[in-house]
Amino acid sequence: MTITPTRRGLLLAGALALPALRHAEAQAPSAPQGASLAAMVARANAGTVGVVSGGVDGTYIRIAADLAAVLDDGERLRVLPIIGRGSVQNISDIMFVRGVDIGIVQSDALAYVRSRRMFPGVAQMIQYITKLYDEEVHVLVRAGIGSVQDLAGQRVNVDVTGSGTAMTASLIFEALGIAPEFVHDPQDTALERLKRGEIAALVYVAGKPARLFGGLTADAGLRFLPLPMAAALMETYLPSRLTHEQYPALIPEDAPVETLAVGAVMAVYAWAPGTERFRKVAGFVDALHSRFERFLQPPRHPKWREVNLEAQVPGWVRFNSAQEPPPRGGRP
C-alpha cells in the first residue's frame, strides 16, 4: 500500500498524541469509591415506578404523562409512562410484567376478568389507589345507521383484543341483546376503514374530548350514535352525554348525544408491606396526594378536575400506603 504524504502526516500525529493520551488517562481521577455499576443501577431504580396506560390517542396516556410531569423529581421518585393495550391487558401487565407497578384501567375490568376466571388470584393481587374520572362510550357510525339496533350483524370495531373498549362493548351489546360482528383493529386504522365504508361503526371508550376524533368534520358523513341506558346497565355504568363543546365539528349546539360512562381506576399490584416495591408505590401515593393541586392547573388534562382521591370503587380493595409490615417471627 502506498503511503501518501497526507496519510504519513496523520500517522505521525497519531503516534505523537498517543503518549499524551495515556498520560491524561493516568492522571484522570479514579471513580469515587462505591460508585460501581451495580450501585448506579440500584440508585437509578430506587424510586422508579412504571405506569402502564393506554394507546397514543387515548386519555390514559395523557394522564400518565401528567403523572410523570408533576410527580417525577428525578431523585426520590421517577414515573415511567408506558403505552398499554387496554384494561384487561393492563391488569395482566400489573400482575406479571416486571417493572409495571401501576396501571390505568376501567372500573368494570376487575369484575370482567374475575367472572371469566382469566387470571388466577387476581382478587388478591390487584388493588386500587384512586378512582380517576368517568370515561364516555363513543359510538361513531357511518351514514345509514340510524340506531344501535341497526348494528346487529354489522362489522363494528372495538379496538384490539384485550382492550377496555372491547371488554365494555361486549358487556353493553350483550345487555342490549344486540350481536354485531366485532372487529379488532387499532382505532386509528378503524377510523380510516369507517371513512371508506368498510365497517359500520367503531366503539371507543375514552374521556371526552377524545383526540382520535379531533380532525373529523361533518363532511365525512360520520356521526355519534346515542346509546340507551338499559336497566341491565344501570349497576355498572352511568348516563352521560357528548356535546357540541367537546366535538364542535360533529355535534350541533342544540343536539347533545346521550351515551354511557364508565369509571377509570388507578390500579396497583398488592405488594406486601415492607418490600421494596411496596415502598416505591407508597412513595408514589404520598406524592400524588401532596401534589394533587398541581393536576388541577393547566396544562394538565381537564379530566383531573373530576378526580376525588377519596372516592370508593365498589368491588375493589384500596391500597393502603400506611400499612405496616407484619412482625417478624409470627405473632408477638
C-alpha atoms as a PDB file:
ATOM      1  CA  MET A   1       0.000   0.000   0.000  1.00  0.00           C
ATOM      2  CA  THR A   2       1.390   3.422  -0.912  1.00  0.00           C
ATOM      3  CA  ILE A   3       1.609   5.884   1.975  1.00  0.00           C
ATOM      4  CA  THR A   4       0.821   9.382   0.738  1.00  0.00           C
ATOM      5  CA  PRO A   5       2.246  12.481   2.420  1.00  0.00           C
ATOM      6  CA  THR A   6      -1.158  13.220   3.904  1.00  0.00           C
ATOM      7  CA  ARG A   7      -1.549   9.712   5.334  1.00  0.00           C
ATOM      8  CA  ARG A   8       2.068   9.847   6.627  1.00  0.00           C
ATOM      9  CA  GLY A   9       1.265  13.088   8.471  1.00  0.00           C
ATOM     10  CA  LEU A  10      -1.852  11.596  10.086  1.00  0.00           C
ATOM     11  CA  LEU A  11       0.036   8.523  11.258  1.00  0.00           C
ATOM     12  CA  LEU A  12       2.800  10.690  12.719  1.00  0.00           C
ATOM     13  CA  ALA A  13       0.313  12.918  14.515  1.00  0.00           C
ATOM     14  CA  GLY A  14      -1.414   9.873  15.993  1.00  0.00           C
ATOM     15  CA  ALA A  15       1.883   8.420  17.180  1.00  0.00           C
ATOM     16  CA  LEU A  16       2.838  11.677  18.858  1.00  0.00           C
ATOM     17  CA  ALA A  17      -0.598  12.039  20.516  1.00  0.00           C
ATOM     18  CA  LEU A  18      -0.728   8.518  21.958  1.00  0.00           C
ATOM     19  CA  PRO A  19       1.703   9.111  24.867  1.00  0.00           C
ATOM     20  CA  ALA A  20      -0.166  12.285  25.796  1.00  0.00           C
ATOM     21  CA  LEU A  21      -3.485  10.401  25.875  1.00  0.00           C
ATOM     22  CA  ARG A  22      -2.023   7.688  28.067  1.00  0.00           C
ATOM     23  CA  HIS A  23      -0.591  10.328  30.409  1.00  0.00           C
ATOM     24  CA  ALA A  24      -4.007  12.017  30.652  1.00  0.00           C
ATOM     25  CA  GLU A  25      -5.702   8.698  31.460  1.00  0.00           C
ATOM     26  CA  ALA A  26      -3.135   8.037  34.177  1.00  0.00           C
ATOM     27  CA  GLN A  27      -3.732  11.483  35.693  1.00  0.00           C
ATOM     28  CA  ALA A  28      -7.545  11.307  35.491  1.00  0.00           C
ATOM     29  CA  PRO A  29      -9.280  10.934  38.864  1.00  0.00           C
ATOM     30  CA  SER A  30     -10.492   7.424  39.606  1.00  0.00           C
ATOM     31  CA  ALA A  31     -14.219   6.705  40.068  1.00  0.00           C
ATOM     32  CA  PRO A  32     -15.474   7.503  43.584  1.00  0.00           C
ATOM     33  CA  GLN A  33     -15.289   4.606  45.956  1.00  0.00           C
ATOM     34  CA  GLY A  34     -18.539   2.613  45.901  1.00  0.00           C
ATOM     35  CA  ALA A  35     -19.755   4.157  42.638  1.00  0.00           C
ATOM     36  CA  SER A  36     -19.822   0.779  40.955  1.00  0.00           C
ATOM     37  CA  LEU A  37     -22.108  -0.101  38.112  1.00  0.00           C
ATOM     38  CA  ALA A  38     -24.292  -2.116  40.486  1.00  0.00           C
ATOM     39  CA  ALA A  39     -24.657   0.889  42.772  1.00  0.00           C
ATOM     40  CA  MET A  40     -25.628   3.094  39.839  1.00  0.00           C
ATOM     41  CA  VAL A  41     -28.248   0.561  38.756  1.00  0.00           C
ATOM     42  CA  ALA A  42     -29.655   0.396  42.283  1.00  0.00           C
ATOM     43  CA  ARG A  43     -29.791   4.189  42.556  1.00  0.00           C
ATOM     44  CA  ALA A  44     -31.497   4.549  39.171  1.00  0.00           C
ATOM     45  CA  ASN A  45     -34.207   2.061  40.157  1.00  0.00           C
ATOM     46  CA  ALA A  46     -34.686   3.095  43.774  1.00  0.00           C
ATOM     47  CA  GLY A  47     -37.644   5.374  43.132  1.00  0.00           C
ATOM     48  CA  THR A  48     -38.768   4.266  39.682  1.00  0.00           C
ATOM     49  CA  VAL A  49     -42.421   3.334  39.218  1.00  0.00           C
ATOM     50  CA  GLY A  50     -43.826   2.021  35.916  1.00  0.00           C
ATOM     51  CA  VAL A  51     -47.357   3.134  34.975  1.00  0.00           C
ATOM     52  CA  VAL A  52     -48.999   1.275  32.087  1.00  0.00           C
ATOM     53  CA  SER A  53     -51.703   3.376  30.442  1.00  0.00           C
ATOM     54  CA  GLY A  54     -53.376   3.272  27.024  1.00  0.00           C
ATOM     55  CA  GLY A  55     -52.898   3.952  23.338  1.00  0.00           C
ATOM     56  CA  VAL A  56     -51.377   7.114  21.899  1.00  0.00           C
ATOM     57  CA  ASP A  57     -54.761   8.675  21.048  1.00  0.00           C
ATOM     58  CA  GLY A  58     -56.465   7.908  24.357  1.00  0.00           C
ATOM     59  CA  THR A  59     -56.850   9.755  27.642  1.00  0.00           C
ATOM     60  CA  TYR A  60     -54.903   7.231  29.739  1.00  0.00           C
ATOM     61  CA  ILE A  61     -51.528   8.024  28.188  1.00  0.00           C
ATOM     62  CA  ARG A  62     -52.097  11.738  28.719  1.00  0.00           C
ATOM     63  CA  ILE A  63     -52.966  11.118  32.360  1.00  0.00           C
ATOM     64  CA  ALA A  64     -49.811   9.013  32.742  1.00  0.00           C
ATOM     65  CA  ALA A  65     -47.772  11.786  31.121  1.00  0.00           C
ATOM     66  CA  ASP A  66     -49.243  14.243  33.619  1.00  0.00           C
ATOM     67  CA  LEU A  67     -48.255  11.918  36.464  1.00  0.00           C
ATOM     68  CA  ALA A  68     -44.672  11.930  35.237  1.00  0.00           C
ATOM     69  CA  ALA A  69     -44.622  15.704  34.727  1.00  0.00           C
ATOM     70  CA  VAL A  70     -45.959  16.511  38.199  1.00  0.00           C
ATOM     71  CA  LEU A  71     -44.582  13.723  40.405  1.00  0.00           C
ATOM     72  CA  ASP A  72     -41.214  12.964  38.805  1.00  0.00           C
ATOM     73  CA  ASP A  73     -38.500  14.731  40.807  1.00  0.00           C
ATOM     74  CA  GLY A  74     -35.642  12.792  39.195  1.00  0.00           C
ATOM     75  CA  GLU A  75     -34.224  11.693  42.531  1.00  0.00           C
ATOM     76  CA  ARG A  76     -36.641  10.112  45.009  1.00  0.00           C
ATOM     77  CA  LEU A  77     -39.431   9.366  42.535  1.00  0.00           C
ATOM     78  CA  ARG A  78     -39.369   8.746  38.813  1.00  0.00           C
ATOM     79  CA  VAL A  79     -42.549   7.856  36.913  1.00  0.00           C
ATOM     80  CA  LEU A  80     -42.226   5.953  33.644  1.00  0.00           C
ATOM     81  CA  PRO A  81     -45.404   6.149  31.485  1.00  0.00           C
ATOM     82  CA  ILE A  82     -45.893   3.012  29.383  1.00  0.00           C
ATOM     83  CA  ILE A  83     -48.176   2.708  26.362  1.00  0.00           C
ATOM     84  CA  GLY A  84     -50.650  -0.092  27.061  1.00  0.00           C
ATOM     85  CA  ARG A  85     -53.146  -2.213  25.158  1.00  0.00           C
ATOM     86  CA  GLY A  86     -56.285  -1.716  27.215  1.00  0.00           C
ATOM     87  CA  SER A  87     -57.746  -2.522  30.618  1.00  0.00           C
ATOM     88  CA  VAL A  88     -57.651  -6.321  30.521  1.00  0.00           C
ATOM     89  CA  GLN A  89     -54.081  -6.378  29.224  1.00  0.00           C
ATOM     90  CA  ASN A  90     -53.089  -3.710  31.762  1.00  0.00           C
ATOM     91  CA  ILE A  91     -54.296  -5.915  34.625  1.00  0.00           C
ATOM     92  CA  SER A  92     -52.259  -8.764  33.197  1.00  0.00           C
ATOM     93  CA  ASP A  93     -49.208  -6.488  32.899  1.00  0.00           C
ATOM     94  CA  ILE A  94     -49.549  -5.315  36.503  1.00  0.00           C
ATOM     95  CA  MET A  95     -49.683  -8.921  37.671  1.00  0.00           C
ATOM     96  CA  PHE A  96     -46.950 -10.449  35.526  1.00  0.00           C
ATOM     97  CA  VAL A  97     -44.663  -7.903  33.822  1.00  0.00           C
ATOM     98  CA  ARG A  98     -41.515  -6.771  35.632  1.00  0.00           C
ATOM     99  CA  GLY A  99     -41.295  -3.043  36.186  1.00  0.00           C
ATOM    100  CA  VAL A 100     -45.054  -2.432  35.974  1.00  0.00           C
ATOM    101  CA  ASP A 101     -46.486  -1.436  39.362  1.00  0.00           C
ATOM    102  CA  ILE A 102     -49.482   0.698  38.428  1.00  0.00           C
ATOM    103  CA  GLY A 103     -51.978   0.761  35.568  1.00  0.00           C
ATOM    104  CA  ILE A 104     -54.982   2.791  34.487  1.00  0.00           C
ATOM    105  CA  VAL A 105     -57.990   0.558  33.831  1.00  0.00           C
ATOM    106  CA  GLN A 106     -61.738   0.766  33.569  1.00  0.00           C
ATOM    107  CA  SER A 107     -63.646   0.088  36.760  1.00  0.00           C
ATOM    108  CA  ASP A 108     -65.535  -2.823  35.193  1.00  0.00           C
ATOM    109  CA  ALA A 109     -62.291  -4.598  34.246  1.00  0.00           C
ATOM    110  CA  LEU A 110     -61.744  -6.374  37.562  1.00  0.00           C
ATOM    111  CA  ALA A 111     -65.244  -7.849  37.615  1.00  0.00           C
ATOM    112  CA  TYR A 112     -64.824  -8.865  33.981  1.00  0.00           C
ATOM    113  CA  VAL A 113     -61.591 -10.831  34.464  1.00  0.00           C
ATOM    114  CA  ARG A 114     -62.861 -12.380  37.702  1.00  0.00           C
ATOM    115  CA  SER A 115     -66.142 -13.544  36.161  1.00  0.00           C
ATOM    116  CA  ARG A 116     -64.257 -15.162  33.282  1.00  0.00           C
ATOM    117  CA  ARG A 117     -61.517 -16.560  35.555  1.00  0.00           C
ATOM    118  CA  MET A 118     -58.844 -15.139  33.301  1.00  0.00           C
ATOM    119  CA  PHE A 119     -56.082 -14.653  35.895  1.00  0.00           C
ATOM    120  CA  PRO A 120     -55.821 -16.896  38.984  1.00  0.00           C
ATOM    121  CA  GLY A 121     -55.542 -14.892  42.199  1.00  0.00           C
ATOM    122  CA  VAL A 122     -56.459 -11.576  40.594  1.00  0.00           C
ATOM    123  CA  ALA A 123     -58.744 -10.605  43.503  1.00  0.00           C
ATOM    124  CA  GLN A 124     -55.818 -10.808  45.922  1.00  0.00           C
ATOM    125  CA  MET A 125     -53.170  -9.303  43.620  1.00  0.00           C
ATOM    126  CA  ILE A 126     -54.937  -6.218  42.260  1.00  0.00           C
ATOM    127  CA  GLN A 127     -55.979  -3.218  44.361  1.00  0.00           C
ATOM    128  CA  TYR A 128     -56.645   0.429  43.555  1.00  0.00           C
ATOM    129  CA  ILE A 129     -55.070   3.728  44.513  1.00  0.00           C
ATOM    130  CA  THR A 130     -57.899   6.026  43.469  1.00  0.00           C
ATOM    131  CA  LYS A 131     -60.784   6.429  41.103  1.00  0.00           C
ATOM    132  CA  LEU A 132     -59.800   8.943  38.446  1.00  0.00           C
ATOM    133  CA  TYR A 133     -62.756  10.082  36.372  1.00  0.00           C
ATOM    134  CA  ASP A 134     -65.543   8.815  34.159  1.00  0.00           C
ATOM    135  CA  GLU A 135     -64.917   7.837  30.530  1.00  0.00           C
ATOM    136  CA  GLU A 136     -67.534   8.109  27.852  1.00  0.00           C
ATOM    137  CA  VAL A 137     -68.551   5.405  25.392  1.00  0.00           C
ATOM    138  CA  HIS A 138     -68.247   6.855  21.876  1.00  0.00           C
ATOM    139  CA  VAL A 139     -70.061   5.035  19.069  1.00  0.00           C
ATOM    140  CA  LEU A 140     -69.134   6.612  15.750  1.00  0.00           C
ATOM    141  CA  VAL A 141     -71.120   5.346  12.753  1.00  0.00           C
ATOM    142  CA  ARG A 142     -71.236   5.803   9.008  1.00  0.00           C
ATOM    143  CA  ALA A 143     -74.236   7.104   7.112  1.00  0.00           C
ATOM    144  CA  GLY A 144     -77.230   4.759   7.040  1.00  0.00           C
ATOM    145  CA  ILE A 145     -77.021   3.635  10.687  1.00  0.00           C
ATOM    146  CA  GLY A 146     -79.999   5.155  12.480  1.00  0.00           C
ATOM    147  CA  SER A 147     -79.953   3.403  15.876  1.00  0.00           C
ATOM    148  CA  VAL A 148     -77.868   0.998  17.908  1.00  0.00           C
ATOM    149  CA  GLN A 149     -80.218  -1.813  16.877  1.00  0.00           C
ATOM    150  CA  ASP A 150     -79.081  -1.297  13.259  1.00  0.00           C
ATOM    151  CA  LEU A 151     -75.628  -2.590  14.271  1.00  0.00           C
ATOM    152  CA  ALA A 152     -76.879  -6.163  14.666  1.00  0.00           C
ATOM    153  CA  GLY A 153     -74.865  -8.321  12.291  1.00  0.00           C
ATOM    154  CA  GLN A 154     -72.762  -5.325  11.157  1.00  0.00           C
ATOM    155  CA  ARG A 155     -68.974  -5.040  11.383  1.00  0.00           C
ATOM    156  CA  VAL A 156     -68.161  -2.918  14.439  1.00  0.00           C
ATOM    157  CA  ASN A 157     -64.596  -2.190  15.506  1.00  0.00           C
ATOM    158  CA  VAL A 158     -63.960  -2.401  19.272  1.00  0.00           C
ATOM    159  CA  ASP A 159     -60.186  -1.848  19.391  1.00  0.00           C
ATOM    160  CA  VAL A 160     -57.588  -4.580  19.874  1.00  0.00           C
ATOM    161  CA  THR A 161     -58.381  -7.825  21.675  1.00  0.00           C
ATOM    162  CA  GLY A 162     -57.995  -7.407  25.427  1.00  0.00           C
ATOM    163  CA  SER A 163     -58.631  -3.664  25.365  1.00  0.00           C
ATOM    164  CA  GLY A 164     -61.001  -1.932  27.748  1.00  0.00           C
ATOM    165  CA  THR A 165     -63.145  -0.845  24.834  1.00  0.00           C
ATOM    166  CA  ALA A 166     -63.512  -4.436  23.606  1.00  0.00           C
ATOM    167  CA  MET A 167     -64.494  -5.534  27.098  1.00  0.00           C
ATOM    168  CA  THR A 168     -67.042  -2.771  27.648  1.00  0.00           C
ATOM    169  CA  ALA A 169     -68.506  -3.118  24.145  1.00  0.00           C
ATOM    170  CA  SER A 170     -69.112  -6.833  24.679  1.00  0.00           C
ATOM    171  CA  LEU A 171     -70.835  -6.171  28.013  1.00  0.00           C
ATOM    172  CA  ILE A 172     -73.016  -3.367  26.644  1.00  0.00           C
ATOM    173  CA  PHE A 173     -74.120  -5.162  23.472  1.00  0.00           C
ATOM    174  CA  GLU A 174     -74.837  -8.333  25.464  1.00  0.00           C
ATOM    175  CA  ALA A 175     -77.031  -6.335  27.847  1.00  0.00           C
ATOM    176  CA  LEU A 176     -78.860  -4.725  24.917  1.00  0.00           C
ATOM    177  CA  GLY A 177     -79.387  -8.077  23.171  1.00  0.00           C
ATOM    178  CA  ILE A 178     -77.551  -6.919  20.026  1.00  0.00           C
ATOM    179  CA  ALA A 179     -74.956  -9.095  18.277  1.00  0.00           C
ATOM    180  CA  PRO A 180     -72.633  -7.176  15.928  1.00  0.00           C
ATOM    181  CA  GLU A 181     -69.640  -8.732  14.199  1.00  0.00           C
ATOM    182  CA  PHE A 182     -66.760  -7.395  16.267  1.00  0.00           C
ATOM    183  CA  VAL A 183     -63.542  -6.290  14.522  1.00  0.00           C
ATOM    184  CA  HIS A 184     -60.275  -5.755  16.423  1.00  0.00           C
ATOM    185  CA  ASP A 185     -58.241  -3.181  14.508  1.00  0.00           C
ATOM    186  CA  PRO A 186     -56.321  -0.362  16.227  1.00  0.00           C
ATOM    187  CA  GLN A 187     -58.595   2.643  16.449  1.00  0.00           C
ATOM    188  CA  ASP A 188     -56.708   4.854  14.014  1.00  0.00           C
ATOM    189  CA  THR A 189     -56.865   2.091  11.407  1.00  0.00           C
ATOM    190  CA  ALA A 190     -60.551   1.535  12.152  1.00  0.00           C
ATOM    191  CA  LEU A 191     -61.326   5.220  11.675  1.00  0.00           C
ATOM    192  CA  GLU A 192     -59.916   5.128   8.146  1.00  0.00           C
ATOM    193  CA  ARG A 193     -61.871   1.950   7.402  1.00  0.00           C
ATOM    194  CA  LEU A 194     -65.024   3.627   8.704  1.00  0.00           C
ATOM    195  CA  LYS A 195     -64.471   6.591   6.381  1.00  0.00           C
ATOM    196  CA  ARG A 196     -64.172   4.162   3.446  1.00  0.00           C
ATOM    197  CA  GLY A 197     -67.368   2.362   4.444  1.00  0.00           C
ATOM    198  CA  GLU A 198     -65.617  -0.950   5.181  1.00  0.00           C
ATOM    199  CA  ILE A 199     -67.127  -1.143   8.678  1.00  0.00           C
ATOM    200  CA  ALA A 200     -70.400   0.200  10.058  1.00  0.00           C
ATOM    201  CA  ALA A 201     -69.128   1.688  13.319  1.00  0.00           C
ATOM    202  CA  LEU A 202     -66.342   1.936  15.836  1.00  0.00           C
ATOM    203  CA  VAL A 203     -66.713   1.950  19.593  1.00  0.00           C
ATOM    204  CA  TYR A 204     -64.183   3.853  21.671  1.00  0.00           C
ATOM    205  CA  VAL A 205     -64.171   4.268  25.444  1.00  0.00           C
ATOM    206  CA  ALA A 206     -62.211   7.425  26.301  1.00  0.00           C
ATOM    207  CA  GLY A 207     -62.530  10.604  28.298  1.00  0.00           C
ATOM    208  CA  LYS A 208     -64.146  13.357  26.286  1.00  0.00           C
ATOM    209  CA  PRO A 209     -62.874  15.033  24.221  1.00  0.00           C
ATOM    210  CA  ALA A 210     -61.010  12.093  22.662  1.00  0.00           C
ATOM    211  CA  ARG A 211     -58.108  13.144  20.431  1.00  0.00           C
ATOM    212  CA  LEU A 212     -58.963  10.381  17.936  1.00  0.00           C
ATOM    213  CA  PHE A 213     -61.944  12.406  16.699  1.00  0.00           C
ATOM    214  CA  GLY A 214     -60.229  15.789  16.723  1.00  0.00           C
ATOM    215  CA  GLY A 215     -59.663  16.038  12.969  1.00  0.00           C
ATOM    216  CA  LEU A 216     -63.117  14.907  11.869  1.00  0.00           C
ATOM    217  CA  THR A 217     -65.700  17.135  10.230  1.00  0.00           C
ATOM    218  CA  ALA A 218     -69.344  16.610   9.406  1.00  0.00           C
ATOM    219  CA  ASP A 219     -68.360  16.390   5.729  1.00  0.00           C
ATOM    220  CA  ALA A 220     -67.026  12.870   6.357  1.00  0.00           C
ATOM    221  CA  GLY A 221     -70.605  11.643   6.786  1.00  0.00           C
ATOM    222  CA  LEU A 222     -69.888  10.228  10.252  1.00  0.00           C
ATOM    223  CA  ARG A 223     -71.795  10.893  13.442  1.00  0.00           C
ATOM    224  CA  PHE A 224     -72.031   9.769  17.062  1.00  0.00           C
ATOM    225  CA  LEU A 225     -74.821   7.307  17.817  1.00  0.00           C
ATOM    226  CA  PRO A 226     -76.902   7.631  21.007  1.00  0.00           C
ATOM    227  CA  LEU A 227     -76.669   4.755  23.496  1.00  0.00           C
ATOM    228  CA  PRO A 228     -79.719   3.998  25.657  1.00  0.00           C
ATOM    229  CA  MET A 229     -79.426   3.340  29.395  1.00  0.00           C
ATOM    230  CA  ALA A 230     -80.958  -0.119  29.723  1.00  0.00           C
ATOM    231  CA  ALA A 231     -81.917  -1.484  33.132  1.00  0.00           C
ATOM    232  CA  ALA A 232     -79.239  -4.186  32.874  1.00  0.00           C
ATOM    233  CA  LEU A 233     -76.556  -1.487  32.576  1.00  0.00           C
ATOM    234  CA  MET A 234     -77.548   0.737  35.490  1.00  0.00           C
ATOM    235  CA  GLU A 235     -75.471  -1.104  38.132  1.00  0.00           C
ATOM    236  CA  THR A 236     -72.235  -0.734  36.182  1.00  0.00           C
ATOM    237  CA  TYR A 237     -72.491   2.393  34.024  1.00  0.00           C
ATOM    238  CA  LEU A 238     -73.579   5.999  34.380  1.00  0.00           C
ATOM    239  CA  PRO A 239     -75.603   8.169  31.995  1.00  0.00           C
ATOM    240  CA  SER A 240     -73.587  10.805  30.180  1.00  0.00           C
ATOM    241  CA  ARG A 241     -73.646  12.894  27.021  1.00  0.00           C
ATOM    242  CA  LEU A 242     -71.409  14.163  24.254  1.00  0.00           C
ATOM    243  CA  THR A 243     -71.887  17.833  23.386  1.00  0.00           C
ATOM    244  CA  HIS A 244     -71.006  20.494  20.859  1.00  0.00           C
ATOM    245  CA  GLU A 245     -68.426  21.933  23.253  1.00  0.00           C
ATOM    246  CA  GLN A 246     -66.381  18.715  23.099  1.00  0.00           C
ATOM    247  CA  TYR A 247     -66.959  17.917  19.403  1.00  0.00           C
ATOM    248  CA  PRO A 248     -67.984  21.128  17.616  1.00  0.00           C
ATOM    249  CA  ALA A 249     -67.487  19.674  14.134  1.00  0.00           C
ATOM    250  CA  LEU A 250     -69.640  16.605  14.755  1.00  0.00           C
ATOM    251  CA  ILE A 251     -72.405  17.630  17.188  1.00  0.00           C
ATOM    252  CA  PRO A 252     -74.751  20.615  16.688  1.00  0.00           C
ATOM    253  CA  GLU A 253     -75.095  23.044  19.601  1.00  0.00           C
ATOM    254  CA  ASP A 254     -78.683  22.059  20.381  1.00  0.00           C
ATOM    255  CA  ALA A 255     -78.366  18.279  19.837  1.00  0.00           C
ATOM    256  CA  PRO A 256     -76.241  16.553  22.522  1.00  0.00           C
ATOM    257  CA  VAL A 257     -75.777  12.811  22.133  1.00  0.00           C
ATOM    258  CA  GLU A 258     -76.837  10.604  25.056  1.00  0.00           C
ATOM    259  CA  THR A 259     -74.342   7.886  25.957  1.00  0.00           C
ATOM    260  CA  LEU A 260     -72.894   5.865  28.845  1.00  0.00           C
ATOM    261  CA  ALA A 261     -69.847   6.385  31.030  1.00  0.00           C
ATOM    262  CA  VAL A 262     -67.578   4.027  32.954  1.00  0.00           C
ATOM    263  CA  GLY A 263     -65.118   4.929  35.702  1.00  0.00           C
ATOM    264  CA  ALA A 264     -61.345   4.920  35.210  1.00  0.00           C
ATOM    265  CA  VAL A 265     -59.320   3.494  38.097  1.00  0.00           C
ATOM    266  CA  MET A 266     -55.638   3.700  39.002  1.00  0.00           C
ATOM    267  CA  ALA A 267     -54.935   0.040  39.746  1.00  0.00           C
ATOM    268  CA  VAL A 268     -51.859  -1.303  41.534  1.00  0.00           C
ATOM    269  CA  TYR A 269     -50.206  -4.586  42.403  1.00  0.00           C
ATOM    270  CA  ALA A 270     -50.847  -5.537  46.040  1.00  0.00           C
ATOM    271  CA  TRP A 271     -47.215  -5.560  47.148  1.00  0.00           C
ATOM    272  CA  ALA A 272     -46.563  -6.877  50.653  1.00  0.00           C
ATOM    273  CA  PRO A 273     -45.826  -4.127  53.212  1.00  0.00           C
ATOM    274  CA  GLY A 274     -42.139  -3.798  53.968  1.00  0.00           C
ATOM    275  CA  THR A 275     -40.969  -4.834  50.496  1.00  0.00           C
ATOM    276  CA  GLU A 276     -39.029  -2.518  48.208  1.00  0.00           C
ATOM    277  CA  ARG A 277     -41.831  -2.380  45.638  1.00  0.00           C
ATOM    278  CA  PHE A 278     -44.361  -1.521  48.357  1.00  0.00           C
ATOM    279  CA  ARG A 279     -42.188   1.382  49.477  1.00  0.00           C
ATOM    280  CA  LYS A 280     -41.957   2.667  45.912  1.00  0.00           C
ATOM    281  CA  VAL A 281     -45.703   2.609  45.406  1.00  0.00           C
ATOM    282  CA  ALA A 282     -46.283   4.121  48.852  1.00  0.00           C
ATOM    283  CA  GLY A 283     -43.970   6.979  47.891  1.00  0.00           C
ATOM    284  CA  PHE A 284     -45.927   7.440  44.667  1.00  0.00           C
ATOM    285  CA  VAL A 285     -49.233   7.561  46.564  1.00  0.00           C
ATOM    286  CA  ASP A 286     -47.906  10.069  49.088  1.00  0.00           C
ATOM    287  CA  ALA A 287     -46.604  12.308  46.292  1.00  0.00           C
ATOM    288  CA  LEU A 288     -49.935  12.063  44.435  1.00  0.00           C
ATOM    289  CA  HIS A 289     -51.804  13.327  47.497  1.00  0.00           C
ATOM    290  CA  SER A 290     -49.324  16.046  48.449  1.00  0.00           C
ATOM    291  CA  ARG A 291     -49.062  17.497  44.927  1.00  0.00           C
ATOM    292  CA  PHE A 292     -52.614  16.907  43.761  1.00  0.00           C
ATOM    293  CA  GLU A 293     -53.453  20.610  43.395  1.00  0.00           C
ATOM    294  CA  ARG A 294     -50.914  20.848  40.562  1.00  0.00           C
ATOM    295  CA  PHE A 295     -53.005  18.456  38.478  1.00  0.00           C
ATOM    296  CA  LEU A 296     -55.899  20.908  38.527  1.00  0.00           C
ATOM    297  CA  GLN A 297     -53.934  23.610  36.723  1.00  0.00           C
ATOM    298  CA  PRO A 298     -53.136  23.994  33.009  1.00  0.00           C
ATOM    299  CA  PRO A 299     -51.671  22.404  31.001  1.00  0.00           C
ATOM    300  CA  ARG A 300     -52.855  19.208  32.762  1.00  0.00           C
ATOM    301  CA  HIS A 301     -55.759  17.259  31.270  1.00  0.00           C
ATOM    302  CA  PRO A 302     -59.180  18.710  32.234  1.00  0.00           C
ATOM    303  CA  LYS A 303     -60.306  15.262  33.427  1.00  0.00           C
ATOM    304  CA  TRP A 304     -58.189  15.789  36.580  1.00  0.00           C
ATOM    305  CA  ARG A 305     -60.858  18.214  37.785  1.00  0.00           C
ATOM    306  CA  GLU A 306     -63.258  15.281  38.106  1.00  0.00           C
ATOM    307  CA  VAL A 307     -60.930  13.271  40.378  1.00  0.00           C
ATOM    308  CA  ASN A 308     -61.822  12.696  44.025  1.00  0.00           C
ATOM    309  CA  LEU A 309     -58.906  10.912  45.693  1.00  0.00           C
ATOM    310  CA  GLU A 310     -61.161   9.582  48.460  1.00  0.00           C
ATOM    311  CA  ALA A 311     -63.878   8.149  46.196  1.00  0.00           C
ATOM    312  CA  GLN A 312     -64.729   4.499  46.791  1.00  0.00           C
ATOM    313  CA  VAL A 313     -64.760   1.952  43.970  1.00  0.00           C
ATOM    314  CA  PRO A 314     -67.285  -0.860  44.557  1.00  0.00           C
ATOM    315  CA  GLY A 315     -65.782  -4.338  44.262  1.00  0.00           C
ATOM    316  CA  TRP A 316     -62.199  -3.105  44.723  1.00  0.00           C
ATOM    317  CA  VAL A 317     -59.805  -3.041  47.715  1.00  0.00           C
ATOM    318  CA  ARG A 318     -57.866   0.184  48.278  1.00  0.00           C
ATOM    319  CA  PHE A 319     -54.056   0.121  48.506  1.00  0.00           C
ATOM    320  CA  ASN A 320     -53.032   1.280  51.993  1.00  0.00           C
ATOM    321  CA  SER A 321     -49.696   3.094  51.747  1.00  0.00           C
ATOM    322  CA  ALA A 322     -49.503   3.417  55.541  1.00  0.00           C
ATOM    323  CA  GLN A 323     -49.839  -0.301  56.204  1.00  0.00           C
ATOM    324  CA  GLU A 324     -47.133  -1.687  58.467  1.00  0.00           C
ATOM    325  CA  PRO A 325     -45.239  -4.882  57.608  1.00  0.00           C
ATOM    326  CA  PRO A 326     -46.150  -7.989  59.673  1.00  0.00           C
ATOM    327  CA  PRO A 327     -43.977  -8.584  62.743  1.00  0.00           C
ATOM    328  CA  ARG A 328     -41.088 -10.966  62.277  1.00  0.00           C
ATOM    329  CA  GLY A 329     -41.274 -14.386  63.878  1.00  0.00           C
ATOM    330  CA  GLY A 330     -45.043 -14.645  63.714  1.00  0.00           C
ATOM    331  CA  ARG A 331     -47.354 -13.408  66.463  1.00  0.00           C
ATOM    332  CA  PRO A 332     -45.736 -11.397  69.272  1.00  0.00           C
END
